[in-house]
C-alpha cells in the first residue's frame, strides 16, 4: 500500500473511533486506535502511518513517537478530513 492510501484509511478510522471536541474537532486516544481490531488488521505500522500523517499536517499529537501502553491516553487530533 502507498502512504497516501494508508493515511486516508487512518482518517476514516479516526472518524469512526473518534469523539467530537467542544471546538468541533475530532480526536481519538492512541490506545483506542492501537487496540481496535480493525485498525490492527488494516495497518502494518500504525505508528509509521501516524508519523507520516503528522508530517503532512493531517493529524496532530504531542511528541514524535507514540508507544503502546506509555502513550495510550495521548489524544490524536484530526486536522483535516
N, C-alpha and C. Protein backbone atom coordinates (compact mmCIF):
# COMPACT_ATOMS: atom_id res chain seq x y z
N UNK A 1 0.84 -1.19 0.00
CA UNK A 1 0.00 0.00 0.00
C UNK A 1 0.88 1.24 0.00
N UNK A 2 0.37 2.29 -0.64
CA UNK A 2 1.16 3.52 -0.62
C UNK A 2 0.77 4.38 0.59
N UNK A 3 1.60 5.33 0.90
CA UNK A 3 1.44 6.15 2.10
C UNK A 3 0.15 6.95 2.07
N UNK A 4 -0.16 7.53 0.91
CA UNK A 4 -1.38 8.35 0.81
C UNK A 4 -2.62 7.51 1.11
N UNK A 5 -2.63 6.30 0.61
CA UNK A 5 -3.77 5.40 0.85
C UNK A 5 -3.86 5.04 2.34
N UNK A 6 -2.73 4.74 2.95
CA UNK A 6 -2.71 4.42 4.38
C UNK A 6 -3.23 5.59 5.20
N UNK A 7 -2.82 6.80 4.84
CA UNK A 7 -3.27 7.99 5.57
C UNK A 7 -4.77 8.18 5.41
N UNK A 8 -5.29 7.95 4.22
CA UNK A 8 -6.75 8.09 4.02
C UNK A 8 -7.50 7.05 4.85
N UNK A 9 -6.96 5.85 4.98
CA UNK A 9 -7.58 4.83 5.84
C UNK A 9 -7.51 5.26 7.30
N UNK A 10 -6.41 5.86 7.69
CA UNK A 10 -6.24 6.35 9.06
C UNK A 10 -7.29 7.41 9.38
N UNK A 11 -7.51 8.33 8.46
CA UNK A 11 -8.52 9.38 8.65
C UNK A 11 -9.91 8.74 8.84
N UNK A 12 -10.23 7.75 8.03
CA UNK A 12 -11.52 7.05 8.17
C UNK A 12 -11.65 6.39 9.54
N UNK A 13 -10.59 5.78 10.02
CA UNK A 13 -10.64 5.11 11.32
C UNK A 13 -10.74 6.11 12.46
N UNK A 14 -10.09 7.24 12.35
CA UNK A 14 -10.22 8.28 13.37
C UNK A 14 -11.65 8.81 13.38
N UNK A 15 -12.24 8.96 12.21
CA UNK A 15 -13.64 9.41 12.13
C UNK A 15 -14.57 8.37 12.75
N UNK A 16 -14.26 7.09 12.57
CA UNK A 16 -15.10 6.02 13.11
C UNK A 16 -14.97 5.92 14.63
N UNK A 17 -13.76 6.01 15.14
CA UNK A 17 -13.50 5.77 16.56
C UNK A 17 -13.44 7.04 17.41
N UNK A 18 -13.27 8.17 16.76
CA UNK A 18 -13.05 9.42 17.48
C UNK A 18 -14.30 10.03 18.10
N UNK A 19 -14.06 11.05 18.91
CA UNK A 19 -15.15 11.81 19.53
C UNK A 19 -14.96 13.28 19.19
N UNK A 20 -16.10 13.97 19.07
CA UNK A 20 -16.06 15.40 18.77
C UNK A 20 -15.70 16.17 20.02
N UNK A 21 -14.81 17.13 19.85
CA UNK A 21 -14.41 18.02 20.93
C UNK A 21 -15.35 19.24 20.93
N UNK A 22 -15.38 20.00 22.01
CA UNK A 22 -16.24 21.19 22.06
C UNK A 22 -15.99 22.17 20.91
N UNK A 23 -14.76 22.23 20.41
CA UNK A 23 -14.45 23.15 19.31
C UNK A 23 -14.78 22.57 17.93
N UNK A 24 -15.37 21.36 17.90
CA UNK A 24 -15.79 20.77 16.64
C UNK A 24 -14.76 19.85 16.00
N UNK A 25 -13.55 19.82 16.55
CA UNK A 25 -12.52 18.92 16.00
C UNK A 25 -12.77 17.50 16.48
N UNK A 26 -12.15 16.57 15.83
CA UNK A 26 -12.31 15.15 16.16
C UNK A 26 -10.99 14.62 16.71
N UNK A 27 -11.07 13.84 17.78
CA UNK A 27 -9.85 13.25 18.33
C UNK A 27 -10.12 11.83 18.82
N UNK A 28 -9.06 11.06 18.93
CA UNK A 28 -9.14 9.68 19.41
C UNK A 28 -7.89 9.42 20.25
N UNK A 29 -8.04 8.64 21.29
CA UNK A 29 -6.88 8.25 22.11
C UNK A 29 -6.05 7.24 21.34
N UNK A 30 -4.73 7.33 21.47
CA UNK A 30 -3.84 6.39 20.79
C UNK A 30 -4.15 4.96 21.19
N UNK A 31 -4.43 4.73 22.46
CA UNK A 31 -4.72 3.39 22.94
C UNK A 31 -5.96 2.79 22.28
N UNK A 32 -6.96 3.62 22.04
CA UNK A 32 -8.20 3.17 21.38
C UNK A 32 -7.88 2.75 19.95
N UNK A 33 -7.13 3.58 19.26
CA UNK A 33 -6.75 3.29 17.87
C UNK A 33 -5.88 2.03 17.81
N UNK A 34 -4.92 1.92 18.71
CA UNK A 34 -3.99 0.80 18.71
C UNK A 34 -4.68 -0.52 19.04
N UNK A 35 -5.66 -0.48 19.96
CA UNK A 35 -6.31 -1.70 20.42
C UNK A 35 -7.45 -2.16 19.52
N UNK A 36 -7.90 -1.29 18.61
CA UNK A 36 -9.02 -1.65 17.74
C UNK A 36 -8.62 -2.77 16.79
N UNK A 37 -9.46 -3.79 16.72
CA UNK A 37 -9.15 -4.96 15.89
C UNK A 37 -9.08 -4.62 14.41
N UNK A 38 -9.99 -3.78 13.94
CA UNK A 38 -9.98 -3.41 12.51
C UNK A 38 -8.69 -2.66 12.17
N UNK A 39 -8.28 -1.74 13.05
CA UNK A 39 -7.03 -1.00 12.82
C UNK A 39 -5.83 -1.94 12.83
N UNK A 40 -5.84 -2.89 13.73
CA UNK A 40 -4.73 -3.86 13.81
C UNK A 40 -4.60 -4.63 12.50
N UNK A 41 -5.72 -4.94 11.86
CA UNK A 41 -5.69 -5.66 10.60
C UNK A 41 -5.36 -4.76 9.42
N UNK A 42 -5.73 -3.47 9.51
CA UNK A 42 -5.51 -2.55 8.40
C UNK A 42 -4.06 -2.07 8.30
N UNK A 43 -3.50 -1.74 9.45
CA UNK A 43 -2.20 -1.06 9.45
C UNK A 43 -1.08 -1.98 9.93
N UNK A 44 -0.10 -2.18 9.04
CA UNK A 44 1.07 -2.95 9.43
C UNK A 44 1.91 -2.17 10.42
N UNK A 45 1.99 -0.86 10.18
CA UNK A 45 2.80 0.00 11.04
C UNK A 45 1.99 1.26 11.37
N UNK A 46 1.11 1.14 12.35
CA UNK A 46 0.25 2.26 12.73
C UNK A 46 1.06 3.48 13.12
N UNK A 47 2.12 3.29 13.90
CA UNK A 47 2.94 4.41 14.36
C UNK A 47 3.59 5.12 13.16
N UNK A 48 4.04 4.36 12.19
CA UNK A 48 4.64 4.95 10.98
C UNK A 48 3.62 5.73 10.18
N UNK A 49 2.41 5.21 10.08
CA UNK A 49 1.34 5.91 9.36
C UNK A 49 0.99 7.21 10.09
N UNK A 50 0.94 7.15 11.42
CA UNK A 50 0.66 8.36 12.21
C UNK A 50 1.76 9.41 12.00
N UNK A 51 3.01 8.98 11.98
CA UNK A 51 4.12 9.92 11.77
C UNK A 51 4.02 10.57 10.39
N UNK A 52 3.70 9.78 9.37
CA UNK A 52 3.55 10.32 8.01
C UNK A 52 2.39 11.31 7.95
N UNK A 53 1.29 11.00 8.62
CA UNK A 53 0.13 11.90 8.64
C UNK A 53 0.46 13.18 9.40
N UNK A 54 1.26 13.07 10.45
CA UNK A 54 1.65 14.25 11.22
C UNK A 54 2.55 15.16 10.37
N UNK A 55 3.48 14.56 9.63
CA UNK A 55 4.36 15.35 8.76
C UNK A 55 3.54 16.11 7.71
N UNK A 56 2.44 15.52 7.26
CA UNK A 56 1.59 16.16 6.25
C UNK A 56 0.53 17.07 6.88
N UNK A 57 0.61 17.24 8.20
CA UNK A 57 -0.31 18.09 8.97
C UNK A 57 -1.78 17.67 8.83
N UNK A 58 -1.99 16.34 8.81
CA UNK A 58 -3.34 15.79 8.77
C UNK A 58 -3.80 15.45 10.18
N UNK A 59 -2.86 15.04 11.02
CA UNK A 59 -3.13 14.79 12.44
C UNK A 59 -2.10 15.55 13.28
N UNK A 60 -2.44 15.69 14.55
CA UNK A 60 -1.53 16.34 15.48
C UNK A 60 -1.54 15.56 16.79
N UNK A 61 -0.37 15.41 17.39
CA UNK A 61 -0.25 14.81 18.72
C UNK A 61 1.09 15.26 19.29
N UNK A 62 1.19 15.29 20.62
CA UNK A 62 2.45 15.74 21.23
C UNK A 62 3.56 14.71 21.06
N UNK A 63 4.77 15.18 20.92
CA UNK A 63 5.91 14.29 20.82
C UNK A 63 6.13 13.78 19.41
N UNK A 64 7.12 12.93 19.29
CA UNK A 64 7.49 12.36 17.99
C UNK A 64 6.97 10.94 17.80
N UNK A 65 7.10 10.13 18.85
CA UNK A 65 6.83 8.70 18.75
C UNK A 65 5.80 8.29 19.79
N UNK A 66 4.81 7.52 19.39
CA UNK A 66 3.80 7.01 20.31
C UNK A 66 4.05 5.52 20.54
N UNK A 67 4.06 5.13 21.81
CA UNK A 67 4.30 3.73 22.16
C UNK A 67 3.10 3.17 22.91
N UNK A 68 2.74 1.93 22.59
CA UNK A 68 1.63 1.28 23.27
C UNK A 68 1.91 1.21 24.76
N UNK A 69 0.86 1.46 25.55
CA UNK A 69 0.98 1.42 26.99
C UNK A 69 1.38 2.78 27.54
N UNK A 70 2.55 3.26 27.16
CA UNK A 70 3.06 4.53 27.66
C UNK A 70 2.19 5.71 27.20
N UNK A 71 1.76 5.67 25.95
CA UNK A 71 1.04 6.80 25.35
C UNK A 71 -0.42 6.48 25.04
N UNK A 72 -1.01 5.50 25.72
CA UNK A 72 -2.40 5.12 25.44
C UNK A 72 -3.39 6.26 25.61
N UNK A 73 -3.11 7.21 26.52
CA UNK A 73 -4.05 8.31 26.78
C UNK A 73 -3.73 9.58 26.00
N UNK A 74 -2.82 9.51 25.05
CA UNK A 74 -2.48 10.67 24.23
C UNK A 74 -3.56 10.85 23.16
N UNK A 75 -4.04 12.10 23.05
CA UNK A 75 -5.05 12.42 22.03
C UNK A 75 -4.40 12.64 20.68
N UNK A 76 -4.97 12.02 19.66
CA UNK A 76 -4.58 12.26 18.28
C UNK A 76 -5.69 13.12 17.67
N UNK A 77 -5.34 14.32 17.29
CA UNK A 77 -6.31 15.29 16.80
C UNK A 77 -6.32 15.27 15.27
N UNK A 78 -7.51 15.14 14.69
CA UNK A 78 -7.65 15.15 13.23
C UNK A 78 -7.74 16.60 12.77
N UNK A 79 -6.78 17.04 11.96
CA UNK A 79 -6.73 18.42 11.49
C UNK A 79 -7.45 18.60 10.16
N UNK A 80 -7.46 17.54 9.34
CA UNK A 80 -8.11 17.59 8.02
C UNK A 80 -8.99 16.36 7.86
N UNK A 81 -10.09 16.53 7.13
CA UNK A 81 -10.97 15.37 6.88
C UNK A 81 -10.61 14.73 5.61
